[in-house]
């Protein structure tokens, strides 16, 4: 038979020239759903493969990906975006009713306005805010661990962010805390950073640096949120 992608003649299940599957199904609603479902649920590649690998041996998957061994691994940015999408769906499904507070005396203060509008901005543009947060985290891991270049840190932290977002997704129905206030997220972030960067010779140092990174990252996130709140409120 002739490969549908490159035209190479072969009788294998996969084209030896380009790797295209032999029996490619015609596009319809059934085949699109099947491809999408398998890309998410296949434990040997894709989303669940990433998740399984990050649970069992996170250092292995990020090391292999940065070294160029990427077969079966879902692109880390795609993994992060999909994780954030799952979190947003979960948050909206288990929506916590708004409880107005009695802080009228503070409503005219600059801190109150920055906090209020910062929270509003983050909630409205959460997916962009959270995905772009890998930049300050990557700067911290680059400065303190110094092992990879900045782009590699962005890739590694995309894996990490995707995983901790899913951890927060699981905890949200229980604790009903937004991701930025979810201690499960910060705890899993610290643990995963430690597991990715630790070696047999620097376990204690890595544990301390992981704590410092998460502590500084938390402060940076809230400072950014307040600054965005200040900018956002100036347009109101």
C-alpha atoms as a PDB file:
ATOM      1  CA  UNK A   1       0.000   0.000   0.000  1.00  0.00           C
ATOM      2  CA  UNK A   2       1.033   3.655  -0.427  1.00  0.00           C
ATOM      3  CA  UNK A   3       1.461   5.862   2.649  1.00  0.00           C
ATOM      4  CA  UNK A   4      -1.204   8.557   2.733  1.00  0.00           C
ATOM      5  CA  UNK A   5       1.300  11.126   4.078  1.00  0.00           C
ATOM      6  CA  UNK A   6       4.519  10.622   2.113  1.00  0.00           C
ATOM      7  CA  UNK A   7       3.547   8.163  -0.662  1.00  0.00           C
ATOM      8  CA  UNK A   8       6.099   5.514   0.426  1.00  0.00           C
ATOM      9  CA  UNK A   9       5.168   1.948  -0.607  1.00  0.00           C
ATOM     10  CA  UNK A  10       5.083  -0.494   2.323  1.00  0.00           C
ATOM     11  CA  UNK A  11       3.122  -3.332   3.947  1.00  0.00           C
ATOM     12  CA  UNK A  12       3.710  -2.465   7.602  1.00  0.00           C
ATOM     13  CA  UNK A  13       1.287  -1.160  10.210  1.00  0.00           C
ATOM     14  CA  UNK A  14       3.285   2.080  10.302  1.00  0.00           C
ATOM     15  CA  UNK A  15       5.146   3.754   7.460  1.00  0.00           C
ATOM     16  CA  UNK A  16       8.911   3.099   7.862  1.00  0.00           C
ATOM     17  CA  UNK A  17       9.611   6.420   6.146  1.00  0.00           C
ATOM     18  CA  UNK A  18       7.465   8.872   8.146  1.00  0.00           C
ATOM     19  CA  UNK A  19       5.721   6.787  10.825  1.00  0.00           C
ATOM     20  CA  UNK A  20       2.145   7.396   9.613  1.00  0.00           C
ATOM     21  CA  UNK A  21      -0.360   4.745  10.678  1.00  0.00           C
ATOM     22  CA  UNK A  22      -1.479   2.303   7.978  1.00  0.00           C
ATOM     23  CA  UNK A  23      -5.238   2.493   8.465  1.00  0.00           C
ATOM     24  CA  UNK A  24      -6.020   6.162   8.973  1.00  0.00           C
ATOM     25  CA  UNK A  25      -9.727   6.606   9.524  1.00  0.00           C
ATOM     26  CA  UNK A  26     -11.768   9.078   7.537  1.00  0.00           C
ATOM     27  CA  UNK A  27     -12.585  12.210   9.520  1.00  0.00           C
ATOM     28  CA  UNK A  28     -16.037  12.230  11.072  1.00  0.00           C
ATOM     29  CA  UNK A  29     -17.484  12.958  14.523  1.00  0.00           C
ATOM     30  CA  UNK A  30     -16.761   9.399  15.676  1.00  0.00           C
ATOM     31  CA  UNK A  31     -13.108   9.358  14.576  1.00  0.00           C
ATOM     32  CA  UNK A  32     -12.402  12.853  15.964  1.00  0.00           C
ATOM     33  CA  UNK A  33     -13.874  11.873  19.333  1.00  0.00           C
ATOM     34  CA  UNK A  34     -11.885   8.613  19.303  1.00  0.00           C
ATOM     35  CA  UNK A  35      -8.575  10.345  18.541  1.00  0.00           C
ATOM     36  CA  UNK A  36      -9.206  13.009  21.205  1.00  0.00           C
ATOM     37  CA  UNK A  37     -10.263  10.448  23.820  1.00  0.00           C
ATOM     38  CA  UNK A  38      -7.257   8.212  23.164  1.00  0.00           C
ATOM     39  CA  UNK A  39      -4.815  11.140  23.259  1.00  0.00           C
ATOM     40  CA  UNK A  40      -6.045  11.955  26.773  1.00  0.00           C
ATOM     41  CA  UNK A  41      -6.602   8.480  28.251  1.00  0.00           C
ATOM     42  CA  UNK A  42      -3.728   6.492  26.744  1.00  0.00           C
ATOM     43  CA  UNK A  43      -1.394   5.506  29.595  1.00  0.00           C
ATOM     44  CA  UNK A  44       1.470   4.843  27.164  1.00  0.00           C
ATOM     45  CA  UNK A  45       1.486   8.285  25.587  1.00  0.00           C
ATOM     46  CA  UNK A  46      -0.167  11.678  25.895  1.00  0.00           C
ATOM     47  CA  UNK A  47      -1.831  13.312  28.875  1.00  0.00           C
ATOM     48  CA  UNK A  48      -2.111  10.317  31.210  1.00  0.00           C
ATOM     49  CA  UNK A  49       1.407   9.210  30.345  1.00  0.00           C
ATOM     50  CA  UNK A  50       2.660  12.625  31.495  1.00  0.00           C
ATOM     51  CA  UNK A  51       0.599  12.402  34.655  1.00  0.00           C
ATOM     52  CA  UNK A  52       1.748   8.865  35.441  1.00  0.00           C
ATOM     53  CA  UNK A  53       5.397   9.778  34.809  1.00  0.00           C
ATOM     54  CA  UNK A  54       5.212  12.908  36.970  1.00  0.00           C
ATOM     55  CA  UNK A  55       3.817  10.836  39.837  1.00  0.00           C
ATOM     56  CA  UNK A  56       6.289   7.941  39.529  1.00  0.00           C
ATOM     57  CA  UNK A  57       9.490   9.655  38.405  1.00  0.00           C
ATOM     58  CA  UNK A  58       9.175  13.369  37.514  1.00  0.00           C
ATOM     59  CA  UNK A  59      12.933  13.818  37.150  1.00  0.00           C
ATOM     60  CA  UNK A  60      13.070  11.161  34.432  1.00  0.00           C
ATOM     61  CA  UNK A  61      10.377  12.643  32.188  1.00  0.00           C
ATOM     62  CA  UNK A  62      11.698  16.232  32.361  1.00  0.00           C
ATOM     63  CA  UNK A  63      15.296  15.071  31.841  1.00  0.00           C
ATOM     64  CA  UNK A  64      14.369  12.935  28.839  1.00  0.00           C
ATOM     65  CA  UNK A  65      12.281  15.727  27.333  1.00  0.00           C
ATOM     66  CA  UNK A  66      15.010  18.357  27.702  1.00  0.00           C
ATOM     67  CA  UNK A  67      17.549  15.926  26.216  1.00  0.00           C
ATOM     68  CA  UNK A  68      15.381  15.364  23.146  1.00  0.00           C
ATOM     69  CA  UNK A  69      13.702  12.026  23.963  1.00  0.00           C
ATOM     70  CA  UNK A  70      10.089  13.083  23.423  1.00  0.00           C
ATOM     71  CA  UNK A  71       8.307  10.042  22.023  1.00  0.00           C
ATOM     72  CA  UNK A  72       4.946   9.433  23.748  1.00  0.00           C
ATOM     73  CA  UNK A  73       5.321  12.597  25.900  1.00  0.00           C
ATOM     74  CA  UNK A  74       2.609  15.215  25.529  1.00  0.00           C
ATOM     75  CA  UNK A  75       4.071  18.662  24.828  1.00  0.00           C
ATOM     76  CA  UNK A  76       4.440  20.363  28.270  1.00  0.00           C
ATOM     77  CA  UNK A  77       2.628  23.532  27.163  1.00  0.00           C
ATOM     78  CA  UNK A  78      -0.288  21.441  25.868  1.00  0.00           C
ATOM     79  CA  UNK A  79      -0.213  19.484  29.124  1.00  0.00           C
ATOM     80  CA  UNK A  80      -0.365  22.718  31.137  1.00  0.00           C
ATOM     81  CA  UNK A  81      -3.160  24.227  29.028  1.00  0.00           C
ATOM     82  CA  UNK A  82      -5.220  21.049  29.298  1.00  0.00           C
ATOM     83  CA  UNK A  83      -4.654  20.911  33.075  1.00  0.00           C
ATOM     84  CA  UNK A  84      -5.742  24.543  33.461  1.00  0.00           C
ATOM     85  CA  UNK A  85      -8.850  23.846  31.365  1.00  0.00           C
ATOM     86  CA  UNK A  86      -9.757  20.913  33.617  1.00  0.00           C
ATOM     87  CA  UNK A  87      -9.275  23.111  36.688  1.00  0.00           C
ATOM     88  CA  UNK A  88     -11.487  25.901  35.304  1.00  0.00           C
ATOM     89  CA  UNK A  89     -14.261  23.411  34.458  1.00  0.00           C
ATOM     90  CA  UNK A  90     -14.033  21.902  37.958  1.00  0.00           C
ATOM     91  CA  UNK A  91     -14.070  25.329  39.630  1.00  0.00           C
ATOM     92  CA  UNK A  92     -17.172  26.375  37.706  1.00  0.00           C
ATOM     93  CA  UNK A  93     -18.924  23.078  38.418  1.00  0.00           C
ATOM     94  CA  UNK A  94     -18.287  23.375  42.174  1.00  0.00           C
ATOM     95  CA  UNK A  95     -18.806  27.132  42.201  1.00  0.00           C
ATOM     96  CA  UNK A  96     -18.622  28.640  45.678  1.00  0.00           C
ATOM     97  CA  UNK A  97     -21.414  31.179  46.381  1.00  0.00           C
ATOM     98  CA  UNK A  98     -20.182  34.746  46.758  1.00  0.00           C
ATOM     99  CA  UNK A  99     -20.299  36.029  50.331  1.00  0.00           C
ATOM    100  CA  UNK A 100     -20.197  39.820  50.562  1.00  0.00           C
ATOM    101  CA  UNK A 101     -17.967  41.040  53.371  1.00  0.00           C
ATOM    102  CA  UNK A 102     -18.506  43.986  55.670  1.00  0.00           C
ATOM    103  CA  UNK A 103     -15.402  45.981  54.825  1.00  0.00           C
ATOM    104  CA  UNK A 104     -17.131  49.221  53.854  1.00  0.00           C
ATOM    105  CA  UNK A 105     -14.703  51.204  55.978  1.00  0.00           C
ATOM    106  CA  UNK A 106     -11.830  49.946  53.856  1.00  0.00           C
ATOM    107  CA  UNK A 107     -13.469  50.281  50.469  1.00  0.00           C
ATOM    108  CA  UNK A 108     -11.790  53.614  49.747  1.00  0.00           C
ATOM    109  CA  UNK A 109      -8.310  52.461  50.736  1.00  0.00           C
ATOM    110  CA  UNK A 110      -5.779  51.789  47.975  1.00  0.00           C
ATOM    111  CA  UNK A 111      -4.876  48.359  49.384  1.00  0.00           C
ATOM    112  CA  UNK A 112      -8.508  47.266  49.361  1.00  0.00           C
ATOM    113  CA  UNK A 113      -8.962  48.435  45.774  1.00  0.00           C
ATOM    114  CA  UNK A 114      -5.763  46.757  44.627  1.00  0.00           C
ATOM    115  CA  UNK A 115      -6.761  43.512  46.328  1.00  0.00           C
ATOM    116  CA  UNK A 116     -10.317  43.606  45.032  1.00  0.00           C
ATOM    117  CA  UNK A 117      -9.465  44.448  41.447  1.00  0.00           C
ATOM    118  CA  UNK A 118      -6.402  42.212  41.502  1.00  0.00           C
ATOM    119  CA  UNK A 119      -8.559  39.270  42.494  1.00  0.00           C
ATOM    120  CA  UNK A 120     -11.127  40.229  39.889  1.00  0.00           C
ATOM    121  CA  UNK A 121      -8.475  40.461  37.170  1.00  0.00           C
ATOM    122  CA  UNK A 122      -6.916  37.110  38.091  1.00  0.00           C
ATOM    123  CA  UNK A 123     -10.319  35.418  38.157  1.00  0.00           C
ATOM    124  CA  UNK A 124     -11.309  36.889  34.786  1.00  0.00           C
ATOM    125  CA  UNK A 125      -8.026  36.091  33.061  1.00  0.00           C
ATOM    126  CA  UNK A 126      -6.962  33.164  35.204  1.00  0.00           C
ATOM    127  CA  UNK A 127      -5.781  30.917  32.374  1.00  0.00           C
ATOM    128  CA  UNK A 128      -3.409  33.579  31.020  1.00  0.00           C
ATOM    129  CA  UNK A 129      -2.266  34.673  34.488  1.00  0.00           C
ATOM    130  CA  UNK A 130      -1.470  31.139  35.618  1.00  0.00           C
ATOM    131  CA  UNK A 131       0.237  29.998  32.427  1.00  0.00           C
ATOM    132  CA  UNK A 132       2.410  33.141  32.314  1.00  0.00           C
ATOM    133  CA  UNK A 133       3.330  32.577  35.972  1.00  0.00           C
ATOM    134  CA  UNK A 134       5.819  29.944  34.801  1.00  0.00           C
ATOM    135  CA  UNK A 135       8.123  32.857  33.874  1.00  0.00           C
ATOM    136  CA  UNK A 136       8.792  34.152  37.428  1.00  0.00           C
ATOM    137  CA  UNK A 137       8.980  30.570  38.712  1.00  0.00           C
ATOM    138  CA  UNK A 138      11.479  29.673  35.977  1.00  0.00           C
ATOM    139  CA  UNK A 139      13.564  32.710  36.856  1.00  0.00           C
ATOM    140  CA  UNK A 140      13.727  31.523  40.461  1.00  0.00           C
ATOM    141  CA  UNK A 141      14.613  27.913  39.575  1.00  0.00           C
ATOM    142  CA  UNK A 142      17.217  29.144  37.072  1.00  0.00           C
ATOM    143  CA  UNK A 143      18.900  31.448  39.603  1.00  0.00           C
ATOM    144  CA  UNK A 144      18.890  28.985  42.499  1.00  0.00           C
ATOM    145  CA  UNK A 145      19.517  25.661  40.733  1.00  0.00           C
ATOM    146  CA  UNK A 146      21.560  26.920  37.723  1.00  0.00           C
ATOM    147  CA  UNK A 147      21.457  23.530  35.997  1.00  0.00           C
ATOM    148  CA  UNK A 148      19.493  24.226  32.803  1.00  0.00           C
ATOM    149  CA  UNK A 149      19.084  27.237  30.533  1.00  0.00           C
ATOM    150  CA  UNK A 150      16.040  29.480  30.949  1.00  0.00           C
ATOM    151  CA  UNK A 151      14.057  27.884  28.104  1.00  0.00           C
ATOM    152  CA  UNK A 152      14.593  24.439  29.634  1.00  0.00           C
ATOM    153  CA  UNK A 153      13.372  25.785  32.974  1.00  0.00           C
ATOM    154  CA  UNK A 154      10.216  27.033  31.233  1.00  0.00           C
ATOM    155  CA  UNK A 155       9.642  23.540  29.841  1.00  0.00           C
ATOM    156  CA  UNK A 156      10.292  21.865  33.190  1.00  0.00           C
ATOM    157  CA  UNK A 157       7.998  24.260  35.040  1.00  0.00           C
ATOM    158  CA  UNK A 158       5.256  23.721  32.455  1.00  0.00           C
ATOM    159  CA  UNK A 159       5.307  20.047  33.450  1.00  0.00           C
ATOM    160  CA  UNK A 160       5.350  21.006  37.134  1.00  0.00           C
ATOM    161  CA  UNK A 161       2.581  23.600  36.782  1.00  0.00           C
ATOM    162  CA  UNK A 162       0.390  21.165  34.868  1.00  0.00           C
ATOM    163  CA  UNK A 163       0.751  18.597  37.638  1.00  0.00           C
ATOM    164  CA  UNK A 164       0.163  20.961  40.580  1.00  0.00           C
ATOM    165  CA  UNK A 165      -2.867  22.441  38.791  1.00  0.00           C
ATOM    166  CA  UNK A 166      -4.349  18.946  38.620  1.00  0.00           C
ATOM    167  CA  UNK A 167      -3.571  18.453  42.331  1.00  0.00           C
ATOM    168  CA  UNK A 168      -5.480  21.641  43.085  1.00  0.00           C
ATOM    169  CA  UNK A 169      -8.296  20.434  40.840  1.00  0.00           C
ATOM    170  CA  UNK A 170      -8.663  17.351  43.041  1.00  0.00           C
ATOM    171  CA  UNK A 171      -8.572  19.393  46.255  1.00  0.00           C
ATOM    172  CA  UNK A 172     -11.003  22.094  45.096  1.00  0.00           C
ATOM    173  CA  UNK A 173     -14.241  20.101  45.643  1.00  0.00           C
ATOM    174  CA  UNK A 174     -13.057  19.409  49.211  1.00  0.00           C
ATOM    175  CA  UNK A 175     -11.570  22.718  50.390  1.00  0.00           C
ATOM    176  CA  UNK A 176     -13.285  25.117  47.935  1.00  0.00           C
ATOM    177  CA  UNK A 177     -10.178  27.306  47.851  1.00  0.00           C
ATOM    178  CA  UNK A 178      -9.100  29.211  44.706  1.00  0.00           C
ATOM    179  CA  UNK A 179      -5.851  27.910  43.288  1.00  0.00           C
ATOM    180  CA  UNK A 180      -3.772  30.873  44.496  1.00  0.00           C
ATOM    181  CA  UNK A 181      -4.943  30.236  48.087  1.00  0.00           C
ATOM    182  CA  UNK A 182      -4.811  26.443  47.940  1.00  0.00           C
ATOM    183  CA  UNK A 183      -2.121  25.067  50.274  1.00  0.00           C
ATOM    184  CA  UNK A 184      -2.297  21.740  48.393  1.00  0.00           C
ATOM    185  CA  UNK A 185      -1.022  23.501  45.291  1.00  0.00           C
ATOM    186  CA  UNK A 186       1.933  25.088  47.109  1.00  0.00           C
ATOM    187  CA  UNK A 187       2.755  21.857  48.931  1.00  0.00           C
ATOM    188  CA  UNK A 188       2.691  19.784  45.739  1.00  0.00           C
ATOM    189  CA  UNK A 189       4.720  22.502  43.977  1.00  0.00           C
ATOM    190  CA  UNK A 190       7.440  22.326  46.616  1.00  0.00           C
ATOM    191  CA  UNK A 191       7.487  18.509  46.580  1.00  0.00           C
ATOM    192  CA  UNK A 192       7.659  18.274  42.808  1.00  0.00           C
ATOM    193  CA  UNK A 193      10.430  20.880  42.515  1.00  0.00           C
ATOM    194  CA  UNK A 194      12.382  18.880  45.097  1.00  0.00           C
ATOM    195  CA  UNK A 195      11.848  15.597  43.252  1.00  0.00           C
ATOM    196  CA  UNK A 196      12.880  17.070  39.895  1.00  0.00           C
ATOM    197  CA  UNK A 197      16.098  18.747  41.074  1.00  0.00           C
ATOM    198  CA  UNK A 198      17.349  16.513  43.886  1.00  0.00           C
ATOM    199  CA  UNK A 199      20.387  14.253  43.617  1.00  0.00           C
ATOM    200  CA  UNK A 200      21.863  11.769  46.070  1.00  0.00           C
ATOM    201  CA  UNK A 201      24.377  14.397  47.182  1.00  0.00           C
ATOM    202  CA  UNK A 202      22.216  17.475  47.714  1.00  0.00           C
ATOM    203  CA  UNK A 203      18.893  16.320  49.158  1.00  0.00           C
ATOM    204  CA  UNK A 204      18.917  18.682  52.153  1.00  0.00           C
ATOM    205  CA  UNK A 205      20.097  21.650  50.086  1.00  0.00           C
ATOM    206  CA  UNK A 206      17.464  20.954  47.407  1.00  0.00           C
ATOM    207  CA  UNK A 207      14.718  20.697  50.034  1.00  0.00           C
ATOM    208  CA  UNK A 208      15.735  24.093  51.460  1.00  0.00           C
ATOM    209  CA  UNK A 209      15.970  25.701  48.003  1.00  0.00           C
ATOM    210  CA  UNK A 210      12.579  24.242  47.038  1.00  0.00           C
ATOM    211  CA  UNK A 211      11.010  25.852  50.098  1.00  0.00           C
ATOM    212  CA  UNK A 212      12.695  29.199  49.346  1.00  0.00           C
ATOM    213  CA  UNK A 213      11.537  29.086  45.710  1.00  0.00           C
ATOM    214  CA  UNK A 214       7.915  28.409  46.641  1.00  0.00           C
ATOM    215  CA  UNK A 215       8.027  31.096  49.365  1.00  0.00           C
ATOM    216  CA  UNK A 216       9.445  33.735  46.994  1.00  0.00           C
ATOM    217  CA  UNK A 217       7.145  32.624  44.186  1.00  0.00           C
ATOM    218  CA  UNK A 218       4.105  33.088  46.443  1.00  0.00           C
ATOM    219  CA  UNK A 219       5.185  36.625  47.333  1.00  0.00           C
ATOM    220  CA  UNK A 220       5.847  37.459  43.667  1.00  0.00           C
ATOM    221  CA  UNK A 221       2.429  36.149  42.616  1.00  0.00           C
ATOM    222  CA  UNK A 222       0.608  38.323  45.137  1.00  0.00           C
ATOM    223  CA  UNK A 223       2.701  41.369  44.272  1.00  0.00           C
ATOM    224  CA  UNK A 224       1.890  40.875  40.581  1.00  0.00           C
ATOM    225  CA  UNK A 225      -1.797  40.424  41.425  1.00  0.00           C
ATOM    226  CA  UNK A 226      -1.789  43.668  43.462  1.00  0.00           C
ATOM    227  CA  UNK A 227      -0.038  45.597  40.692  1.00  0.00           C
ATOM    228  CA  UNK A 228      -2.505  44.271  38.135  1.00  0.00           C
ATOM    229  CA  UNK A 229      -5.288  45.279  40.520  1.00  0.00           C
ATOM    230  CA  UNK A 230      -3.894  48.803  40.728  1.00  0.00           C
ATOM    231  CA  UNK A 231      -3.674  49.066  36.924  1.00  0.00           C
ATOM    232  CA  UNK A 232      -7.091  47.459  36.465  1.00  0.00           C
ATOM    233  CA  UNK A 233      -8.727  49.785  39.021  1.00  0.00           C
ATOM    234  CA  UNK A 234      -7.327  52.868  37.292  1.00  0.00           C
ATOM    235  CA  UNK A 235      -9.508  52.082  34.279  1.00  0.00           C
ATOM    236  CA  UNK A 236     -12.648  51.768  36.380  1.00  0.00           C
END
